[in-house]
């Protein structure tokens, strides 16, 4: 099964300069926990999650309207293409330990988003063994940075 068959095409996005208060409002309105961050040229520059926002607000001592999305997101972005096989996208999720992948065209412009939920809810997209293996990798506890350097 191809990613295009199971991805979500109607995706709400934000810009790097969007503040976190606006991002939360968009997430609330769309009942989602992640937004692709898209530059003016339509290219994906990152992803921001509700967790990213909570941690940023709690650790910076600023209100959400004073923190820009670009100040919270990392430069690393994992993507897939609409023509990719869903199994290949699932392997990327597993390797990168992410639950969602922006679906981009050859120029890096957003075409949709593929979530682990999309794979799980579409019969035939992946086997239960592949899904459980991916979930196990994603959910594995990470060592805090302070402990990793000790």
N, C-alpha and C. Protein backbone atom coordinates (compact mmCIF):
# COMPACT_ATOMS: atom_id res chain seq x y z
N UNK A 1 0.85 -1.18 0.00
CA UNK A 1 0.00 0.00 0.00
C UNK A 1 0.90 1.25 0.00
N UNK A 2 0.51 2.21 -0.80
CA UNK A 2 1.28 3.45 -0.91
C UNK A 2 0.85 4.46 0.16
N UNK A 3 1.79 5.30 0.54
CA UNK A 3 1.54 6.33 1.54
C UNK A 3 0.35 7.19 1.12
N UNK A 4 0.26 7.54 -0.15
CA UNK A 4 -0.83 8.41 -0.62
C UNK A 4 -2.21 7.85 -0.35
N UNK A 5 -2.31 6.53 -0.24
CA UNK A 5 -3.60 5.88 -0.01
C UNK A 5 -4.08 6.01 1.44
N UNK A 6 -3.17 6.27 2.36
CA UNK A 6 -3.56 6.29 3.78
C UNK A 6 -3.19 7.57 4.51
N UNK A 7 -2.46 8.47 3.87
CA UNK A 7 -2.04 9.71 4.53
C UNK A 7 -3.20 10.67 4.71
N UNK A 8 -3.01 11.64 5.58
CA UNK A 8 -3.95 12.73 5.75
C UNK A 8 -3.48 13.88 4.86
N UNK A 9 -4.34 14.33 3.97
CA UNK A 9 -3.96 15.39 3.02
C UNK A 9 -4.28 16.79 3.54
N UNK A 10 -5.35 16.92 4.29
CA UNK A 10 -5.78 18.22 4.80
C UNK A 10 -5.08 18.49 6.13
N UNK A 11 -3.88 19.04 6.04
CA UNK A 11 -3.03 19.22 7.21
C UNK A 11 -2.89 20.70 7.54
N UNK A 12 -3.11 21.02 8.80
CA UNK A 12 -2.90 22.39 9.28
C UNK A 12 -1.40 22.54 9.54
N UNK A 13 -0.85 23.69 9.20
CA UNK A 13 0.58 23.95 9.39
C UNK A 13 0.78 25.25 10.14
N UNK A 14 2.03 25.49 10.51
CA UNK A 14 2.40 26.79 11.06
C UNK A 14 3.71 27.21 10.42
N UNK A 15 4.11 28.42 10.68
CA UNK A 15 5.34 28.97 10.12
C UNK A 15 6.38 29.05 11.23
N UNK A 16 7.66 29.16 10.90
CA UNK A 16 8.70 29.28 11.93
C UNK A 16 8.48 30.46 12.86
N UNK A 17 7.91 31.53 12.34
CA UNK A 17 7.70 32.73 13.16
C UNK A 17 6.41 32.69 13.98
N UNK A 18 5.58 31.69 13.77
CA UNK A 18 4.35 31.53 14.56
C UNK A 18 4.72 31.40 16.04
N UNK A 19 3.98 32.07 16.91
CA UNK A 19 4.28 31.90 18.34
C UNK A 19 3.57 30.65 18.87
N UNK A 20 4.02 30.17 20.02
CA UNK A 20 3.49 28.92 20.56
C UNK A 20 2.02 29.02 20.93
N UNK A 21 1.56 30.19 21.34
CA UNK A 21 0.14 30.36 21.65
C UNK A 21 -0.71 30.12 20.40
N UNK A 22 -0.27 30.65 19.28
CA UNK A 22 -0.99 30.44 18.02
C UNK A 22 -0.94 28.97 17.61
N UNK A 23 0.21 28.34 17.79
CA UNK A 23 0.35 26.93 17.44
C UNK A 23 -0.59 26.06 18.27
N UNK A 24 -0.68 26.34 19.57
CA UNK A 24 -1.59 25.59 20.44
C UNK A 24 -3.04 25.79 19.97
N UNK A 25 -3.39 27.01 19.62
CA UNK A 25 -4.75 27.29 19.15
C UNK A 25 -5.06 26.46 17.90
N UNK A 26 -4.12 26.39 16.97
CA UNK A 26 -4.30 25.59 15.75
C UNK A 26 -4.47 24.11 16.09
N UNK A 27 -3.65 23.62 17.01
CA UNK A 27 -3.77 22.22 17.42
C UNK A 27 -5.13 21.95 18.07
N UNK A 28 -5.57 22.87 18.91
CA UNK A 28 -6.87 22.71 19.59
C UNK A 28 -8.00 22.68 18.56
N UNK A 29 -7.97 23.61 17.63
CA UNK A 29 -9.02 23.69 16.62
C UNK A 29 -9.07 22.45 15.72
N UNK A 30 -7.91 21.87 15.45
CA UNK A 30 -7.85 20.70 14.55
C UNK A 30 -7.79 19.38 15.30
N UNK A 31 -7.80 19.43 16.64
CA UNK A 31 -7.74 18.22 17.46
C UNK A 31 -6.54 17.36 17.05
N UNK A 32 -5.38 18.00 17.03
CA UNK A 32 -4.15 17.27 16.68
C UNK A 32 -3.04 17.65 17.65
N UNK A 33 -2.01 16.85 17.71
CA UNK A 33 -0.91 17.09 18.63
C UNK A 33 0.39 17.46 17.96
N UNK A 34 0.33 17.73 16.66
CA UNK A 34 1.53 18.07 15.92
C UNK A 34 1.18 18.98 14.74
N UNK A 35 2.10 19.86 14.42
CA UNK A 35 1.96 20.71 13.23
C UNK A 35 3.26 20.68 12.44
N UNK A 36 3.17 20.44 11.15
CA UNK A 36 4.37 20.65 10.32
C UNK A 36 4.69 22.14 10.29
N UNK A 37 5.96 22.45 10.34
CA UNK A 37 6.42 23.83 10.24
C UNK A 37 6.84 24.05 8.79
N UNK A 38 6.20 25.00 8.13
CA UNK A 38 6.41 25.21 6.70
C UNK A 38 6.90 26.64 6.46
N UNK A 39 7.98 26.75 5.68
CA UNK A 39 8.52 28.06 5.33
C UNK A 39 7.66 28.70 4.24
N UNK A 40 7.93 29.95 3.93
CA UNK A 40 7.15 30.71 2.93
C UNK A 40 7.13 30.01 1.57
N UNK A 41 8.19 29.28 1.24
CA UNK A 41 8.24 28.60 -0.06
C UNK A 41 7.50 27.26 -0.06
N UNK A 42 6.85 26.92 1.07
CA UNK A 42 6.08 25.68 1.15
C UNK A 42 6.88 24.47 1.57
N UNK A 43 8.16 24.65 1.80
CA UNK A 43 9.01 23.53 2.20
C UNK A 43 8.93 23.30 3.71
N UNK A 44 8.92 22.04 4.08
CA UNK A 44 8.85 21.68 5.50
C UNK A 44 10.21 21.92 6.14
N UNK A 45 10.20 22.64 7.26
CA UNK A 45 11.45 22.91 7.97
C UNK A 45 11.49 22.23 9.33
N UNK A 46 10.38 21.62 9.75
CA UNK A 46 10.36 20.94 11.03
C UNK A 46 8.96 20.51 11.40
N UNK A 47 8.86 20.00 12.62
CA UNK A 47 7.58 19.59 13.20
C UNK A 47 7.57 20.10 14.63
N UNK A 48 6.41 20.50 15.10
CA UNK A 48 6.27 20.90 16.50
C UNK A 48 5.12 20.11 17.11
N UNK A 49 5.37 19.58 18.30
CA UNK A 49 4.36 18.78 18.99
C UNK A 49 3.85 19.52 20.21
N UNK A 50 2.71 19.04 20.71
CA UNK A 50 2.18 19.62 21.94
C UNK A 50 3.16 19.43 23.09
N UNK A 51 3.90 18.33 23.08
CA UNK A 51 4.92 18.09 24.12
C UNK A 51 6.05 19.12 24.01
N UNK A 52 6.50 19.40 22.79
CA UNK A 52 7.55 20.41 22.58
C UNK A 52 7.12 21.75 23.19
N UNK A 53 5.86 22.09 22.97
CA UNK A 53 5.34 23.36 23.47
C UNK A 53 5.30 23.38 25.00
N UNK A 54 4.81 22.31 25.59
CA UNK A 54 4.74 22.24 27.06
C UNK A 54 6.12 22.35 27.70
N UNK A 55 7.08 21.62 27.15
CA UNK A 55 8.43 21.65 27.70
C UNK A 55 9.05 23.04 27.53
N UNK A 56 8.85 23.65 26.37
CA UNK A 56 9.42 24.98 26.13
C UNK A 56 8.87 26.01 27.11
N UNK A 57 7.57 25.99 27.31
CA UNK A 57 6.96 26.97 28.23
C UNK A 57 7.41 26.71 29.66
N UNK A 58 7.46 25.45 30.05
CA UNK A 58 7.83 25.12 31.43
C UNK A 58 9.29 25.40 31.74
N UNK A 59 10.16 25.31 30.75
CA UNK A 59 11.59 25.46 31.02
C UNK A 59 12.15 26.85 30.72
N UNK A 60 11.40 27.68 30.03
CA UNK A 60 11.94 28.99 29.64
C UNK A 60 11.43 30.14 30.48
N UNK A 61 10.35 29.94 31.20
CA UNK A 61 9.83 31.00 32.04
C UNK A 61 9.19 32.14 31.27
N UNK A 62 8.82 31.91 30.03
CA UNK A 62 8.14 32.91 29.22
C UNK A 62 6.74 32.41 28.90
N UNK A 63 5.87 33.33 28.55
CA UNK A 63 4.54 32.93 28.12
C UNK A 63 4.60 32.45 26.66
N UNK A 64 3.61 31.67 26.28
CA UNK A 64 3.59 31.04 24.95
C UNK A 64 3.61 32.06 23.82
N UNK A 65 3.04 33.23 24.03
CA UNK A 65 3.00 34.23 22.97
C UNK A 65 4.36 34.90 22.75
N UNK A 66 5.33 34.63 23.61
CA UNK A 66 6.67 35.23 23.47
C UNK A 66 7.71 34.26 22.92
N UNK A 67 7.30 33.04 22.61
CA UNK A 67 8.23 32.03 22.10
C UNK A 67 7.81 31.65 20.69
N UNK A 68 8.75 31.74 19.75
CA UNK A 68 8.47 31.38 18.35
C UNK A 68 8.69 29.88 18.14
N UNK A 69 7.93 29.33 17.23
CA UNK A 69 8.07 27.91 16.87
C UNK A 69 9.52 27.60 16.51
N UNK A 70 10.18 28.48 15.75
CA UNK A 70 11.56 28.24 15.32
C UNK A 70 12.53 28.08 16.49
N UNK A 71 12.17 28.64 17.65
CA UNK A 71 13.02 28.55 18.83
C UNK A 71 12.87 27.21 19.55
N UNK A 72 11.91 26.42 19.14
CA UNK A 72 11.62 25.16 19.82
C UNK A 72 11.94 23.95 18.95
N UNK A 73 11.76 24.07 17.65
CA UNK A 73 11.96 22.93 16.75
C UNK A 73 13.44 22.74 16.45
N UNK A 74 13.78 21.49 16.15
CA UNK A 74 15.14 21.18 15.74
C UNK A 74 15.22 21.22 14.22
N UNK A 75 16.41 21.28 13.69
CA UNK A 75 16.59 21.31 12.24
C UNK A 75 16.42 19.95 11.59
N UNK A 76 16.42 18.91 12.39
CA UNK A 76 16.32 17.55 11.83
C UNK A 76 14.86 17.22 11.51
N UNK A 77 14.61 16.81 10.28
CA UNK A 77 13.26 16.45 9.88
C UNK A 77 13.31 15.17 9.05
N UNK A 78 12.47 14.23 9.40
CA UNK A 78 12.35 12.98 8.67
C UNK A 78 11.06 13.04 7.88
N UNK A 79 11.11 12.66 6.61
CA UNK A 79 9.94 12.75 5.75
C UNK A 79 9.77 11.46 4.96
N UNK A 80 8.67 11.39 4.24
CA UNK A 80 8.45 10.33 3.27
C UNK A 80 7.77 10.95 2.06
N UNK A 81 7.63 10.16 1.00
CA UNK A 81 6.98 10.63 -0.22
C UNK A 81 5.66 9.89 -0.41
N UNK A 82 4.76 10.50 -1.12
CA UNK A 82 3.45 9.91 -1.35
C UNK A 82 3.55 8.57 -2.07
N UNK A 83 4.57 8.40 -2.92
CA UNK A 83 4.74 7.15 -3.67
C UNK A 83 5.49 6.07 -2.88
N UNK A 84 5.97 6.41 -1.69
CA UNK A 84 6.65 5.41 -0.86
C UNK A 84 5.67 4.33 -0.43
N UNK A 85 6.20 3.16 -0.24
CA UNK A 85 5.39 2.09 0.33
C UNK A 85 5.18 2.38 1.81
N UNK A 86 4.01 2.07 2.32
CA UNK A 86 3.70 2.34 3.73
C UNK A 86 4.68 1.61 4.66
N UNK A 87 5.13 0.43 4.26
CA UNK A 87 6.09 -0.33 5.07
C UNK A 87 7.41 0.42 5.19
N UNK A 88 7.85 1.03 4.11
CA UNK A 88 9.10 1.81 4.12
C UNK A 88 8.95 3.00 5.06
N UNK A 89 7.80 3.68 4.99
CA UNK A 89 7.55 4.81 5.89
C UNK A 89 7.52 4.34 7.34
N UNK A 90 6.92 3.19 7.58
CA UNK A 90 6.88 2.63 8.94
C UNK A 90 8.29 2.32 9.44
N UNK A 91 9.14 1.83 8.56
CA UNK A 91 10.54 1.56 8.93
C UNK A 91 11.27 2.86 9.29
N UNK A 92 10.96 3.93 8.58
CA UNK A 92 11.54 5.24 8.91
C UNK A 92 11.07 5.69 10.28
N UNK A 93 9.78 5.54 10.55
CA UNK A 93 9.24 5.89 11.87
C UNK A 93 9.97 5.11 12.96
N UNK A 94 10.16 3.83 12.71
CA UNK A 94 10.83 2.96 13.70
C UNK A 94 12.27 3.41 13.92
N UNK A 95 12.99 3.61 12.84
CA UNK A 95 14.41 3.99 12.94
C UNK A 95 14.59 5.36 13.59
N UNK A 96 13.70 6.29 13.28
CA UNK A 96 13.82 7.66 13.79
C UNK A 96 13.04 7.90 15.08
N UNK A 97 12.26 6.87 15.49
CA UNK A 97 11.46 6.92 16.71
C UNK A 97 10.50 8.10 16.70
N UNK A 98 9.73 8.18 15.61
CA UNK A 98 8.71 9.22 15.46
C UNK A 98 7.37 8.57 15.11
N UNK A 99 6.30 9.23 15.50
CA UNK A 99 4.95 8.72 15.24
C UNK A 99 4.32 9.29 13.98
N UNK A 100 4.94 10.34 13.44
CA UNK A 100 4.37 11.01 12.27
C UNK A 100 5.48 11.44 11.32
N UNK A 101 5.16 11.37 10.04
CA UNK A 101 6.10 11.83 9.01
C UNK A 101 5.39 12.80 8.07
N UNK A 102 5.97 13.96 7.83
CA UNK A 102 5.42 14.81 6.78
C UNK A 102 5.62 14.09 5.44
N UNK A 103 4.63 14.19 4.59
CA UNK A 103 4.73 13.64 3.24
C UNK A 103 5.06 14.82 2.33
N UNK A 104 6.19 14.73 1.63
CA UNK A 104 6.66 15.84 0.82
C UNK A 104 6.87 15.42 -0.63
N UNK A 105 6.87 16.42 -1.52
CA UNK A 105 7.19 16.16 -2.92
C UNK A 105 8.71 16.22 -3.10
N UNK A 106 9.18 16.12 -4.34
CA UNK A 106 10.62 16.08 -4.62
C UNK A 106 11.34 17.36 -4.19
N UNK A 107 10.60 18.48 -4.11
CA UNK A 107 11.20 19.76 -3.69
C UNK A 107 11.09 20.00 -2.20
N UNK A 108 10.50 19.05 -1.46
CA UNK A 108 10.37 19.20 -0.01
C UNK A 108 9.12 19.94 0.43
N UNK A 109 8.17 20.17 -0.50
CA UNK A 109 6.93 20.86 -0.16
C UNK A 109 5.92 19.87 0.41
N UNK A 110 5.20 20.31 1.42
CA UNK A 110 4.26 19.46 2.14
C UNK A 110 3.09 19.04 1.25
N UNK A 111 2.79 17.74 1.28
CA UNK A 111 1.65 17.18 0.56
C UNK A 111 0.66 16.51 1.51
N UNK A 112 1.11 16.23 2.73
CA UNK A 112 0.24 15.58 3.70
C UNK A 112 1.06 15.14 4.89
N UNK A 113 0.46 14.29 5.71
CA UNK A 113 1.17 13.75 6.87
C UNK A 113 0.73 12.30 7.03
N UNK A 114 1.68 11.46 7.39
CA UNK A 114 1.40 10.06 7.66
C UNK A 114 1.66 9.82 9.13
N UNK A 115 0.65 9.33 9.82
CA UNK A 115 0.81 9.04 11.25
C UNK A 115 0.79 7.53 11.46
N UNK A 116 1.30 7.13 12.59
CA UNK A 116 1.23 5.72 12.96
C UNK A 116 -0.24 5.30 13.02
N UNK A 117 -1.11 6.20 13.46
CA UNK A 117 -2.55 5.91 13.49
C UNK A 117 -3.08 5.59 12.09
N UNK A 118 -2.60 6.31 11.08
CA UNK A 118 -3.02 6.04 9.70
C UNK A 118 -2.67 4.61 9.30
N UNK A 119 -1.47 4.18 9.66
CA UNK A 119 -1.02 2.83 9.32
C UNK A 119 -1.85 1.79 10.06
N UNK A 120 -2.08 2.03 11.35
CA UNK A 120 -2.82 1.08 12.18
C UNK A 120 -4.27 0.93 11.71
N UNK A 121 -4.89 2.02 11.31
CA UNK A 121 -6.32 1.98 11.00
C UNK A 121 -6.64 1.60 9.55
N UNK A 122 -5.64 1.40 8.73
CA UNK A 122 -5.87 0.99 7.35
C UNK A 122 -5.45 -0.48 7.18
N UNK A 123 -6.43 -1.33 7.06
CA UNK A 123 -6.18 -2.76 6.90
C UNK A 123 -5.28 -3.00 5.70
N UNK A 124 -4.24 -3.78 5.92
CA UNK A 124 -3.32 -4.13 4.85
C UNK A 124 -2.14 -3.20 4.69
N UNK A 125 -2.11 -2.11 5.44
CA UNK A 125 -0.99 -1.17 5.31
C UNK A 125 0.29 -1.78 5.88
N UNK A 126 0.15 -2.56 6.94
CA UNK A 126 1.29 -3.22 7.58
C UNK A 126 0.77 -4.37 8.42
N UNK A 127 1.66 -5.31 8.69
CA UNK A 127 1.26 -6.43 9.55
C UNK A 127 1.26 -6.00 11.01
N UNK A 128 0.55 -6.74 11.82
CA UNK A 128 0.52 -6.42 13.25
C UNK A 128 1.91 -6.54 13.85
N UNK A 129 2.71 -7.47 13.36
CA UNK A 129 4.09 -7.63 13.85
C UNK A 129 4.92 -6.38 13.54
N UNK A 130 4.78 -5.84 12.32
CA UNK A 130 5.52 -4.63 11.95
C UNK A 130 5.07 -3.43 12.78
N UNK A 131 3.79 -3.34 13.02
CA UNK A 131 3.25 -2.22 13.80
C UNK A 131 3.72 -2.30 15.25
N UNK A 132 3.64 -3.48 15.85
CA UNK A 132 4.07 -3.64 17.24
C UNK A 132 5.57 -3.38 17.37
N UNK A 133 6.35 -3.86 16.43
CA UNK A 133 7.79 -3.63 16.46
C UNK A 133 8.11 -2.13 16.38
N UNK A 134 7.39 -1.43 15.54
CA UNK A 134 7.59 0.02 15.41
C UNK A 134 7.20 0.71 16.71
N UNK A 135 6.06 0.35 17.25
CA UNK A 135 5.62 0.95 18.52
C UNK A 135 6.63 0.69 19.64
N UNK A 136 7.16 -0.52 19.70
CA UNK A 136 8.14 -0.84 20.73
C UNK A 136 9.38 0.04 20.61
N UNK A 137 9.84 0.28 19.40
CA UNK A 137 11.01 1.13 19.19
C UNK A 137 10.72 2.58 19.56
N UNK A 138 9.56 3.06 19.14
CA UNK A 138 9.19 4.45 19.42
C UNK A 138 9.03 4.68 20.91
N UNK A 139 8.43 3.72 21.60
CA UNK A 139 8.09 3.89 23.02
C UNK A 139 9.23 3.57 23.98
N UNK A 140 10.33 3.04 23.47
CA UNK A 140 11.45 2.70 24.33
C UNK A 140 11.95 3.95 25.05
N UNK A 141 12.19 3.83 26.35
CA UNK A 141 12.65 4.98 27.14
C UNK A 141 14.02 5.44 26.66
N UNK A 142 14.16 6.73 26.60
CA UNK A 142 15.44 7.34 26.24
C UNK A 142 16.13 7.78 27.51
N UNK A 143 17.44 7.68 27.51
CA UNK A 143 18.19 8.15 28.67
C UNK A 143 18.29 9.65 28.62
N UNK A 144 18.04 10.32 29.74
CA UNK A 144 18.21 11.79 29.76
C UNK A 144 19.63 12.18 29.39
N UNK A 145 19.81 13.32 28.75
CA UNK A 145 21.13 13.76 28.30
C UNK A 145 22.14 13.80 29.43
N UNK A 146 21.72 14.25 30.61
CA UNK A 146 22.63 14.33 31.75
C UNK A 146 23.17 12.95 32.12
N UNK A 147 22.33 11.93 32.03
CA UNK A 147 22.75 10.57 32.38
C UNK A 147 23.61 9.96 31.29
N UNK A 148 23.34 10.31 30.04
CA UNK A 148 24.07 9.74 28.91
C UNK A 148 25.54 10.15 28.94
N UNK A 149 25.84 11.35 29.45
CA UNK A 149 27.22 11.81 29.46
C UNK A 149 27.97 11.39 30.72
N UNK A 150 27.28 10.80 31.68
CA UNK A 150 27.93 10.40 32.95
C UNK A 150 28.73 9.14 32.80
